[in-house]
């Protein structure tokens, strides 16, 4: 199983980025998918997660209204559209896949993790 996150980069505050997470070795439609992030010196924190069908999602309060998680099960890919970025969004972003149907906000229920992609927002 491999989760390949991409799309990170350097952007000015107020800008946008779209992260992608391409999955291989698993059938994406069987997994709840999540995005987490980790800033230097901090723990890994929940950003967003989407249920298997893509019909419902959960977001951290800090990103609600700015970020949108989506998935294309046919392409085995999950996305995170990030708008109105702030310097405090700077972190390494990780995608994760979990067999549990719960849209979990903690790391434990997720079975597989990607390698992370760096997002840096300048002020």
N, C-alpha and C. Protein backbone atom coordinates (compact mmCIF):
# COMPACT_ATOMS: atom_id res chain seq x y z
N UNK A 1 0.85 -1.19 0.00
CA UNK A 1 0.00 0.00 0.00
C UNK A 1 0.89 1.24 0.00
N UNK A 2 0.52 2.20 -0.82
CA UNK A 2 1.26 3.45 -0.88
C UNK A 2 0.29 4.61 -1.06
N UNK A 3 0.52 5.65 -0.25
CA UNK A 3 -0.22 6.90 -0.39
C UNK A 3 0.79 7.97 -0.75
N UNK A 4 0.63 8.56 -1.92
CA UNK A 4 1.58 9.54 -2.42
C UNK A 4 0.94 10.92 -2.42
N UNK A 5 1.37 11.75 -1.46
CA UNK A 5 0.84 13.11 -1.36
C UNK A 5 1.68 14.05 -2.22
N UNK A 6 1.02 15.00 -2.87
CA UNK A 6 1.71 15.98 -3.70
C UNK A 6 0.91 17.27 -3.73
N UNK A 7 1.51 18.30 -4.31
CA UNK A 7 0.82 19.57 -4.48
C UNK A 7 1.22 20.65 -3.50
N UNK A 8 2.07 20.34 -2.55
CA UNK A 8 2.52 21.35 -1.62
C UNK A 8 3.45 22.35 -2.28
N UNK A 9 3.76 23.40 -1.53
CA UNK A 9 4.67 24.41 -2.07
C UNK A 9 4.65 25.66 -1.22
N UNK A 10 5.22 26.71 -1.78
CA UNK A 10 5.30 28.02 -1.11
C UNK A 10 4.25 28.93 -1.73
N UNK A 11 3.44 29.56 -0.89
CA UNK A 11 2.39 30.44 -1.37
C UNK A 11 2.26 31.62 -0.41
N UNK A 12 1.83 32.74 -0.92
CA UNK A 12 1.61 33.91 -0.07
C UNK A 12 0.29 33.78 0.67
N UNK A 13 0.20 34.45 1.78
CA UNK A 13 -1.05 34.47 2.55
C UNK A 13 -2.19 34.94 1.65
N UNK A 14 -3.32 34.27 1.78
CA UNK A 14 -4.47 34.56 0.94
C UNK A 14 -4.53 33.72 -0.32
N UNK A 15 -3.47 33.01 -0.61
CA UNK A 15 -3.41 32.19 -1.81
C UNK A 15 -4.05 30.83 -1.62
N UNK A 16 -3.93 30.00 -2.66
CA UNK A 16 -4.56 28.69 -2.66
C UNK A 16 -3.58 27.62 -3.12
N UNK A 17 -3.82 26.43 -2.64
CA UNK A 17 -3.11 25.24 -3.09
C UNK A 17 -4.09 24.08 -3.12
N UNK A 18 -3.81 23.11 -3.99
CA UNK A 18 -4.61 21.89 -4.02
C UNK A 18 -3.68 20.69 -3.83
N UNK A 19 -3.89 20.00 -2.75
CA UNK A 19 -3.11 18.80 -2.47
C UNK A 19 -3.82 17.58 -3.05
N UNK A 20 -3.02 16.63 -3.50
CA UNK A 20 -3.56 15.36 -4.00
C UNK A 20 -2.91 14.22 -3.22
N UNK A 21 -3.66 13.14 -3.09
CA UNK A 21 -3.14 11.93 -2.45
C UNK A 21 -3.54 10.75 -3.33
N UNK A 22 -2.58 10.21 -4.03
CA UNK A 22 -2.83 9.08 -4.92
C UNK A 22 -2.54 7.77 -4.19
N UNK A 23 -3.53 6.89 -4.18
CA UNK A 23 -3.40 5.63 -3.46
C UNK A 23 -3.14 4.48 -4.42
N UNK A 24 -2.29 3.58 -4.01
CA UNK A 24 -2.05 2.37 -4.78
C UNK A 24 -1.95 1.20 -3.82
N UNK A 25 -2.33 0.03 -4.32
CA UNK A 25 -2.28 -1.16 -3.48
C UNK A 25 -3.50 -1.33 -2.59
N UNK A 26 -4.48 -0.47 -2.74
CA UNK A 26 -5.73 -0.62 -2.01
C UNK A 26 -6.87 -0.09 -2.85
N UNK A 27 -8.09 -0.47 -2.47
CA UNK A 27 -9.28 0.03 -3.14
C UNK A 27 -9.81 1.19 -2.33
N UNK A 28 -9.63 2.38 -2.84
CA UNK A 28 -9.90 3.59 -2.07
C UNK A 28 -11.32 3.63 -1.52
N UNK A 29 -12.28 3.11 -2.25
CA UNK A 29 -13.69 3.19 -1.85
C UNK A 29 -13.97 2.43 -0.55
N UNK A 30 -13.05 1.62 -0.10
CA UNK A 30 -13.23 0.88 1.14
C UNK A 30 -12.72 1.65 2.35
N UNK A 31 -12.12 2.82 2.12
CA UNK A 31 -11.42 3.52 3.19
C UNK A 31 -11.97 4.92 3.45
N UNK A 32 -12.07 5.26 4.72
CA UNK A 32 -12.21 6.66 5.11
C UNK A 32 -10.87 7.33 4.88
N UNK A 33 -10.88 8.53 4.33
CA UNK A 33 -9.64 9.22 4.02
C UNK A 33 -9.55 10.52 4.80
N UNK A 34 -8.35 10.79 5.30
CA UNK A 34 -8.16 11.99 6.09
C UNK A 34 -6.89 12.73 5.70
N UNK A 35 -6.87 13.99 6.06
CA UNK A 35 -5.67 14.82 5.95
C UNK A 35 -5.31 15.31 7.35
N UNK A 36 -4.06 15.23 7.69
CA UNK A 36 -3.51 15.74 8.94
C UNK A 36 -2.33 16.64 8.60
N UNK A 37 -1.90 17.42 9.55
CA UNK A 37 -0.73 18.26 9.34
C UNK A 37 0.10 18.33 10.60
N UNK A 38 1.38 18.62 10.39
CA UNK A 38 2.30 18.72 11.52
C UNK A 38 3.25 19.88 11.30
N UNK A 39 3.17 20.86 12.17
CA UNK A 39 4.07 22.00 12.12
C UNK A 39 5.31 21.70 12.95
N UNK A 40 6.41 22.39 12.69
CA UNK A 40 7.64 22.15 13.45
C UNK A 40 7.42 22.28 14.95
N UNK A 41 7.84 21.26 15.70
CA UNK A 41 7.75 21.30 17.14
C UNK A 41 6.36 21.00 17.70
N UNK A 42 5.44 20.63 16.81
CA UNK A 42 4.07 20.36 17.25
C UNK A 42 3.66 18.94 16.88
N UNK A 43 2.57 18.47 17.48
CA UNK A 43 2.06 17.15 17.16
C UNK A 43 1.26 17.17 15.88
N UNK A 44 0.94 15.98 15.41
CA UNK A 44 0.15 15.86 14.19
C UNK A 44 -1.31 16.17 14.52
N UNK A 45 -1.89 17.08 13.74
CA UNK A 45 -3.25 17.49 14.04
C UNK A 45 -4.18 17.22 12.86
N UNK A 46 -5.43 16.95 13.19
CA UNK A 46 -6.46 16.68 12.21
C UNK A 46 -6.79 17.93 11.41
N UNK A 47 -6.98 17.72 10.11
CA UNK A 47 -7.40 18.81 9.22
C UNK A 47 -8.80 18.54 8.66
N UNK A 48 -8.95 17.39 8.00
CA UNK A 48 -10.22 17.07 7.36
C UNK A 48 -10.28 15.58 7.08
N UNK A 49 -11.50 15.06 6.97
CA UNK A 49 -11.68 13.65 6.62
C UNK A 49 -13.00 13.50 5.88
N UNK A 50 -13.05 12.48 5.04
CA UNK A 50 -14.23 12.25 4.21
C UNK A 50 -14.59 10.77 4.25
N UNK A 51 -15.90 10.50 4.28
CA UNK A 51 -16.35 9.11 4.34
C UNK A 51 -16.12 8.42 3.00
N UNK A 52 -16.31 7.12 2.99
CA UNK A 52 -15.99 6.30 1.83
C UNK A 52 -16.67 6.77 0.55
N UNK A 53 -17.91 7.16 0.65
CA UNK A 53 -18.65 7.55 -0.55
C UNK A 53 -18.36 8.98 -0.98
N UNK A 54 -17.77 9.75 -0.08
CA UNK A 54 -17.53 11.16 -0.36
C UNK A 54 -18.71 12.05 -0.01
N UNK A 55 -19.75 11.47 0.55
CA UNK A 55 -20.97 12.23 0.80
C UNK A 55 -20.95 13.10 2.03
N UNK A 56 -20.02 12.87 2.91
CA UNK A 56 -19.95 13.64 4.14
C UNK A 56 -18.50 13.83 4.55
N UNK A 57 -18.21 14.99 5.13
CA UNK A 57 -16.85 15.28 5.55
C UNK A 57 -16.85 15.99 6.89
N UNK A 58 -15.71 15.98 7.53
CA UNK A 58 -15.52 16.64 8.81
C UNK A 58 -14.27 17.50 8.72
N UNK A 59 -14.31 18.67 9.35
CA UNK A 59 -13.20 19.60 9.26
C UNK A 59 -12.81 20.10 10.64
N UNK A 60 -11.53 20.39 10.80
CA UNK A 60 -11.08 21.10 11.99
C UNK A 60 -11.65 22.52 11.96
N UNK A 61 -11.94 23.05 13.13
CA UNK A 61 -12.51 24.40 13.19
C UNK A 61 -11.60 25.43 12.53
N UNK A 62 -10.31 25.21 12.60
CA UNK A 62 -9.34 26.17 12.08
C UNK A 62 -9.35 26.28 10.56
N UNK A 63 -9.94 25.29 9.88
CA UNK A 63 -9.93 25.30 8.41
C UNK A 63 -11.32 25.35 7.81
N UNK A 64 -12.35 25.28 8.63
CA UNK A 64 -13.72 25.30 8.12
C UNK A 64 -13.97 26.55 7.29
N UNK A 65 -14.60 26.35 6.14
CA UNK A 65 -14.91 27.46 5.26
C UNK A 65 -13.77 27.85 4.34
N UNK A 66 -12.57 27.30 4.59
CA UNK A 66 -11.41 27.61 3.74
C UNK A 66 -10.91 26.38 2.98
N UNK A 67 -10.99 25.23 3.61
CA UNK A 67 -10.50 23.99 3.00
C UNK A 67 -11.68 23.09 2.60
N UNK A 68 -11.48 22.33 1.53
CA UNK A 68 -12.48 21.37 1.09
C UNK A 68 -11.80 20.05 0.74
N UNK A 69 -12.26 18.98 1.37
CA UNK A 69 -11.75 17.65 1.05
C UNK A 69 -12.71 16.98 0.07
N UNK A 70 -12.15 16.27 -0.89
CA UNK A 70 -12.97 15.54 -1.85
C UNK A 70 -12.22 14.29 -2.28
N UNK A 71 -12.94 13.41 -2.95
CA UNK A 71 -12.31 12.17 -3.37
C UNK A 71 -12.87 11.72 -4.71
N UNK A 72 -12.05 11.03 -5.46
CA UNK A 72 -12.47 10.42 -6.71
C UNK A 72 -12.08 8.95 -6.60
N UNK A 73 -13.03 8.13 -6.21
CA UNK A 73 -12.71 6.71 -5.99
C UNK A 73 -12.29 6.00 -7.27
N UNK A 74 -12.81 6.47 -8.38
CA UNK A 74 -12.44 5.85 -9.65
C UNK A 74 -10.97 6.09 -9.97
N UNK A 75 -10.44 7.22 -9.52
CA UNK A 75 -9.04 7.54 -9.74
C UNK A 75 -8.16 7.19 -8.54
N UNK A 76 -8.79 6.63 -7.50
CA UNK A 76 -8.03 6.29 -6.29
C UNK A 76 -7.27 7.49 -5.73
N UNK A 77 -7.91 8.65 -5.74
CA UNK A 77 -7.25 9.88 -5.33
C UNK A 77 -8.14 10.71 -4.43
N UNK A 78 -7.52 11.33 -3.44
CA UNK A 78 -8.19 12.25 -2.54
C UNK A 78 -7.55 13.62 -2.69
N UNK A 79 -8.34 14.65 -2.52
CA UNK A 79 -7.86 16.02 -2.71
C UNK A 79 -8.13 16.86 -1.47
N UNK A 80 -7.32 17.89 -1.31
CA UNK A 80 -7.58 18.91 -0.30
C UNK A 80 -7.38 20.26 -0.96
N UNK A 81 -8.48 20.95 -1.22
CA UNK A 81 -8.42 22.29 -1.77
C UNK A 81 -8.29 23.27 -0.61
N UNK A 82 -7.24 24.06 -0.64
CA UNK A 82 -6.96 24.99 0.45
C UNK A 82 -6.98 26.41 -0.09
N UNK A 83 -7.92 27.20 0.39
CA UNK A 83 -8.08 28.59 -0.02
C UNK A 83 -7.83 29.52 1.17
N UNK A 84 -7.62 30.77 0.87
CA UNK A 84 -7.41 31.78 1.91
C UNK A 84 -6.36 31.31 2.92
N UNK A 85 -5.26 30.86 2.42
CA UNK A 85 -4.23 30.29 3.29
C UNK A 85 -3.63 31.35 4.22
N UNK A 86 -3.28 30.90 5.41
CA UNK A 86 -2.71 31.76 6.43
C UNK A 86 -1.32 31.22 6.82
N UNK A 87 -0.45 32.06 7.35
CA UNK A 87 0.87 31.58 7.78
C UNK A 87 0.77 30.42 8.77
N UNK A 88 -0.26 30.40 9.59
CA UNK A 88 -0.42 29.32 10.57
C UNK A 88 -0.82 28.00 9.94
N UNK A 89 -1.10 27.99 8.64
CA UNK A 89 -1.35 26.74 7.93
C UNK A 89 -0.05 26.05 7.51
N UNK A 90 1.06 26.70 7.71
CA UNK A 90 2.35 26.14 7.35
C UNK A 90 2.62 24.86 8.13
N UNK A 91 2.86 23.77 7.40
CA UNK A 91 3.07 22.47 8.03
C UNK A 91 3.37 21.45 6.94
N UNK A 92 3.76 20.27 7.37
CA UNK A 92 3.79 19.11 6.47
C UNK A 92 2.41 18.47 6.53
N UNK A 93 1.82 18.25 5.37
CA UNK A 93 0.47 17.70 5.28
C UNK A 93 0.56 16.22 4.89
N UNK A 94 -0.16 15.40 5.65
CA UNK A 94 -0.17 13.96 5.43
C UNK A 94 -1.58 13.48 5.09
N UNK A 95 -1.67 12.57 4.14
CA UNK A 95 -2.95 11.90 3.92
C UNK A 95 -2.91 10.54 4.60
N UNK A 96 -4.09 10.06 4.96
CA UNK A 96 -4.19 8.80 5.69
C UNK A 96 -5.44 8.06 5.26
N UNK A 97 -5.37 6.73 5.33
CA UNK A 97 -6.49 5.87 4.96
C UNK A 97 -6.83 4.95 6.12
N UNK A 98 -8.12 4.83 6.42
CA UNK A 98 -8.55 3.97 7.51
C UNK A 98 -9.73 3.11 7.12
N UNK A 99 -9.72 1.85 7.53
CA UNK A 99 -10.83 0.95 7.23
C UNK A 99 -12.05 1.25 8.09
N UNK A 100 -11.85 1.91 9.23
CA UNK A 100 -12.99 2.26 10.07
C UNK A 100 -13.89 3.23 9.32
N UNK A 101 -15.22 3.01 9.41
CA UNK A 101 -16.14 3.92 8.71
C UNK A 101 -16.31 5.26 9.42
N UNK A 102 -15.74 5.38 10.61
CA UNK A 102 -15.86 6.61 11.37
C UNK A 102 -14.94 7.67 10.78
N UNK A 103 -15.46 8.87 10.66
CA UNK A 103 -14.64 9.99 10.18
C UNK A 103 -13.85 10.48 11.38
N UNK A 104 -12.74 9.82 11.65
CA UNK A 104 -11.99 10.04 12.87
C UNK A 104 -11.14 11.30 12.80
N UNK A 105 -11.03 11.97 13.94
CA UNK A 105 -10.21 13.18 14.04
C UNK A 105 -8.91 12.91 14.78
N UNK A 106 -8.69 11.66 15.17
CA UNK A 106 -7.42 11.29 15.78
C UNK A 106 -6.68 10.35 14.83
N UNK A 107 -5.41 10.15 15.08
CA UNK A 107 -4.58 9.38 14.15
C UNK A 107 -4.77 7.87 14.28
N UNK A 108 -5.19 7.41 15.44
CA UNK A 108 -5.21 5.97 15.72
C UNK A 108 -6.03 5.14 14.73
N UNK A 109 -7.23 5.57 14.33
CA UNK A 109 -8.04 4.72 13.45
C UNK A 109 -7.52 4.60 12.01
N UNK A 110 -6.51 5.34 11.66
CA UNK A 110 -6.01 5.30 10.30
C UNK A 110 -4.89 4.26 10.18
N UNK A 111 -5.01 3.47 9.14
CA UNK A 111 -4.13 2.32 8.96
C UNK A 111 -2.90 2.61 8.11
N UNK A 112 -3.04 3.52 7.17
CA UNK A 112 -1.94 3.81 6.25
C UNK A 112 -1.73 5.32 6.16
N UNK A 113 -0.47 5.69 5.99
CA UNK A 113 -0.08 7.10 5.94
C UNK A 113 0.81 7.36 4.74
N UNK A 114 0.64 8.55 4.16
CA UNK A 114 1.53 8.99 3.10
C UNK A 114 2.78 9.62 3.68
N UNK A 115 3.67 10.04 2.81
CA UNK A 115 4.96 10.55 3.25
C UNK A 115 4.94 12.03 3.59
N UNK A 116 3.88 12.74 3.24
CA UNK A 116 3.78 14.14 3.57
C UNK A 116 4.24 15.06 2.46
N UNK A 117 3.62 16.22 2.40
CA UNK A 117 4.02 17.26 1.46
C UNK A 117 4.05 18.59 2.20
N UNK A 118 5.10 19.37 1.96
CA UNK A 118 5.31 20.61 2.70
C UNK A 118 4.47 21.74 2.12
N UNK A 119 3.76 22.43 3.00
CA UNK A 119 3.03 23.64 2.64
C UNK A 119 3.60 24.78 3.46
N UNK A 120 4.05 25.83 2.79
CA UNK A 120 4.60 26.99 3.47
C UNK A 120 3.85 28.23 3.01
N UNK A 121 3.29 28.96 3.95
CA UNK A 121 2.53 30.16 3.64
C UNK A 121 3.29 31.36 4.21
N UNK A 122 3.66 32.26 3.34
CA UNK A 122 4.42 33.44 3.76
C UNK A 122 3.46 34.60 4.02
N UNK A 123 3.86 35.44 4.95
CA UNK A 123 2.99 36.58 5.32
C UNK A 123 3.31 37.80 4.48
